[in-house]
Amino acid sequence: MQKTENWKRAVMIGSFSAAAFLFLTGRKAAGFALAGVGVATLAGEYPDKFEKFWEHAPEYLDRGTRLVQGVGSFVEKIAEQSSRIQERVGQTRPDYIT
């Protein structure tokens, strides 16, 4: 296997890092564009590995979707418990505190 040239590695790491930052800050379109640059560079450097990944992509997407749904339901349960606790605390406070 040939070593990745430094500039290609920098392009991949930089574009994926910037894409993650843009996703986190809510700029999804720009994030997708930079992620595409990273994926294209990665695919150009390792076409055989990328082909294997592409064949298993539906499986990865399914796992990711299940993970996100699980996290979402967990967050909803925490929010429900928090609101119940807030209601109980609000009911048990003496009048002079409110």
C-alpha atoms as a PDB file:
ATOM      1  CA  MET A   1       0.000   0.000   0.000  1.00  0.00           C
ATOM      2  CA  GLN A   2       1.381   3.398  -0.925  1.00  0.00           C
ATOM      3  CA  LYS A   3       1.716   6.065   1.740  1.00  0.00           C
ATOM      4  CA  THR A   4      -0.748   8.925   1.639  1.00  0.00           C
ATOM      5  CA  GLU A   5       0.906  12.161   0.667  1.00  0.00           C
ATOM      6  CA  ASN A   6       0.886  14.789   3.390  1.00  0.00           C
ATOM      7  CA  TRP A   7      -1.258  17.252   1.462  1.00  0.00           C
ATOM      8  CA  LYS A   8      -3.931  14.618   0.783  1.00  0.00           C
ATOM      9  CA  ARG A   9      -4.008  13.678   4.446  1.00  0.00           C
ATOM     10  CA  ALA A  10      -4.301  17.375   5.361  1.00  0.00           C
ATOM     11  CA  VAL A  11      -7.179  17.829   2.908  1.00  0.00           C
ATOM     12  CA  MET A  12      -9.028  14.810   4.324  1.00  0.00           C
ATOM     13  CA  ILE A  13      -8.548  15.722   7.986  1.00  0.00           C
ATOM     14  CA  GLY A  14      -9.227  19.400   7.398  1.00  0.00           C
ATOM     15  CA  SER A  15     -12.375  18.874   5.377  1.00  0.00           C
ATOM     16  CA  PHE A  16     -13.844  16.308   7.785  1.00  0.00           C
ATOM     17  CA  SER A  17     -13.010  18.502  10.783  1.00  0.00           C
ATOM     18  CA  ALA A  18     -14.486  21.593   9.177  1.00  0.00           C
ATOM     19  CA  ALA A  19     -17.562  19.619   8.108  1.00  0.00           C
ATOM     20  CA  ALA A  20     -18.111  18.413  11.676  1.00  0.00           C
ATOM     21  CA  PHE A  21     -17.798  21.984  12.957  1.00  0.00           C
ATOM     22  CA  LEU A  22     -20.242  23.268  10.357  1.00  0.00           C
ATOM     23  CA  PHE A  23     -22.757  20.525  11.189  1.00  0.00           C
ATOM     24  CA  LEU A  24     -22.529  21.383  14.873  1.00  0.00           C
ATOM     25  CA  THR A  25     -23.063  25.081  14.182  1.00  0.00           C
ATOM     26  CA  GLY A  26     -26.123  24.390  12.019  1.00  0.00           C
ATOM     27  CA  ARG A  27     -24.644  25.092   8.575  1.00  0.00           C
ATOM     28  CA  LYS A  28     -25.521  21.746   7.052  1.00  0.00           C
ATOM     29  CA  ALA A  29     -25.162  22.621   3.365  1.00  0.00           C
ATOM     30  CA  ALA A  30     -21.584  23.807   3.791  1.00  0.00           C
ATOM     31  CA  GLY A  31     -20.893  20.810   6.040  1.00  0.00           C
ATOM     32  CA  PHE A  32     -22.093  18.398   3.372  1.00  0.00           C
ATOM     33  CA  ALA A  33     -19.963  20.144   0.760  1.00  0.00           C
ATOM     34  CA  LEU A  34     -16.799  19.845   2.838  1.00  0.00           C
ATOM     35  CA  ALA A  35     -17.597  16.264   3.819  1.00  0.00           C
ATOM     36  CA  GLY A  36     -17.924  15.527   0.092  1.00  0.00           C
ATOM     37  CA  VAL A  37     -14.450  16.932  -0.509  1.00  0.00           C
ATOM     38  CA  GLY A  38     -13.062  14.662   2.211  1.00  0.00           C
ATOM     39  CA  VAL A  39     -14.878  11.608   0.887  1.00  0.00           C
ATOM     40  CA  ALA A  40     -13.732  12.285  -2.681  1.00  0.00           C
ATOM     41  CA  THR A  41     -10.128  12.624  -1.533  1.00  0.00           C
ATOM     42  CA  LEU A  42     -10.417   9.465   0.548  1.00  0.00           C
ATOM     43  CA  ALA A  43     -11.993   7.532  -2.328  1.00  0.00           C
ATOM     44  CA  GLY A  44      -9.266   8.693  -4.700  1.00  0.00           C
ATOM     45  CA  GLU A  45      -6.536   7.577  -2.333  1.00  0.00           C
ATOM     46  CA  TYR A  46      -8.026   4.230  -1.261  1.00  0.00           C
ATOM     47  CA  PRO A  47     -10.463   3.092  -3.988  1.00  0.00           C
ATOM     48  CA  ASP A  48     -10.530  -0.575  -2.901  1.00  0.00           C
ATOM     49  CA  LYS A  49     -11.302   0.221   0.744  1.00  0.00           C
ATOM     50  CA  PHE A  50     -13.851   2.828  -0.264  1.00  0.00           C
ATOM     51  CA  GLU A  51     -15.622   0.287  -2.478  1.00  0.00           C
ATOM     52  CA  LYS A  52     -15.900  -2.128   0.472  1.00  0.00           C
ATOM     53  CA  PHE A  53     -17.258   0.680   2.643  1.00  0.00           C
ATOM     54  CA  TRP A  54     -19.755   1.679  -0.056  1.00  0.00           C
ATOM     55  CA  GLU A  55     -21.046  -1.900  -0.287  1.00  0.00           C
ATOM     56  CA  HIS A  56     -21.738  -1.907   3.462  1.00  0.00           C
ATOM     57  CA  ALA A  57     -23.089   1.671   3.620  1.00  0.00           C
ATOM     58  CA  PRO A  58     -26.776   0.670   4.007  1.00  0.00           C
ATOM     59  CA  GLU A  59     -25.826  -1.470   6.995  1.00  0.00           C
ATOM     60  CA  TYR A  60     -23.890   1.427   8.548  1.00  0.00           C
ATOM     61  CA  LEU A  61     -26.762   3.828   7.920  1.00  0.00           C
ATOM     62  CA  ASP A  62     -29.215   1.447   9.558  1.00  0.00           C
ATOM     63  CA  ARG A  63     -27.015   1.139  12.639  1.00  0.00           C
ATOM     64  CA  GLY A  64     -26.547   4.896  12.795  1.00  0.00           C
ATOM     65  CA  THR A  65     -30.273   5.517  12.487  1.00  0.00           C
ATOM     66  CA  ARG A  66     -31.010   3.082  15.305  1.00  0.00           C
ATOM     67  CA  LEU A  67     -28.372   4.744  17.462  1.00  0.00           C
ATOM     68  CA  VAL A  68     -29.781   8.228  16.859  1.00  0.00           C
ATOM     69  CA  GLN A  69     -33.327   7.017  17.584  1.00  0.00           C
ATOM     70  CA  GLY A  70     -32.145   5.408  20.818  1.00  0.00           C
ATOM     71  CA  VAL A  71     -30.414   8.587  21.923  1.00  0.00           C
ATOM     72  CA  GLY A  72     -33.507  10.603  21.011  1.00  0.00           C
ATOM     73  CA  SER A  73     -35.825   8.418  23.080  1.00  0.00           C
ATOM     74  CA  PHE A  74     -33.353   8.554  25.984  1.00  0.00           C
ATOM     75  CA  VAL A  75     -33.323  12.369  25.839  1.00  0.00           C
ATOM     76  CA  GLU A  76     -37.133  12.423  25.733  1.00  0.00           C
ATOM     77  CA  LYS A  77     -37.306  10.225  28.848  1.00  0.00           C
ATOM     78  CA  ILE A  78     -34.892  12.512  30.660  1.00  0.00           C
ATOM     79  CA  ALA A  79     -36.984  15.555  29.681  1.00  0.00           C
ATOM     80  CA  GLU A  80     -40.158  13.859  30.960  1.00  0.00           C
ATOM     81  CA  GLN A  81     -38.511  12.976  34.266  1.00  0.00           C
ATOM     82  CA  SER A  82     -37.157  16.498  34.582  1.00  0.00           C
ATOM     83  CA  SER A  83     -40.590  18.039  34.062  1.00  0.00           C
ATOM     84  CA  ARG A  84     -42.097  15.652  36.639  1.00  0.00           C
ATOM     85  CA  ILE A  85     -39.445  16.605  39.162  1.00  0.00           C
ATOM     86  CA  GLN A  86     -39.996  20.303  38.428  1.00  0.00           C
ATOM     87  CA  GLU A  87     -43.736  19.869  39.026  1.00  0.00           C
ATOM     88  CA  ARG A  88     -43.155  18.070  42.341  1.00  0.00           C
ATOM     89  CA  VAL A  89     -40.652  20.652  43.528  1.00  0.00           C
ATOM     90  CA  GLY A  90     -43.033  23.449  42.565  1.00  0.00           C
ATOM     91  CA  GLN A  91     -45.871  21.841  44.546  1.00  0.00           C
ATOM     92  CA  THR A  92     -43.851  21.318  47.715  1.00  0.00           C
ATOM     93  CA  ARG A  93     -42.342  24.819  47.969  1.00  0.00           C
ATOM     94  CA  PRO A  94     -43.642  27.015  50.735  1.00  0.00           C
ATOM     95  CA  ASP A  95     -45.351  30.224  49.648  1.00  0.00           C
ATOM     96  CA  TYR A  96     -42.600  32.482  50.980  1.00  0.00           C
ATOM     97  CA  ILE A  97     -40.042  30.994  48.525  1.00  0.00           C
ATOM     98  CA  THR A  98     -41.993  31.805  45.368  1.00  0.00           C
END
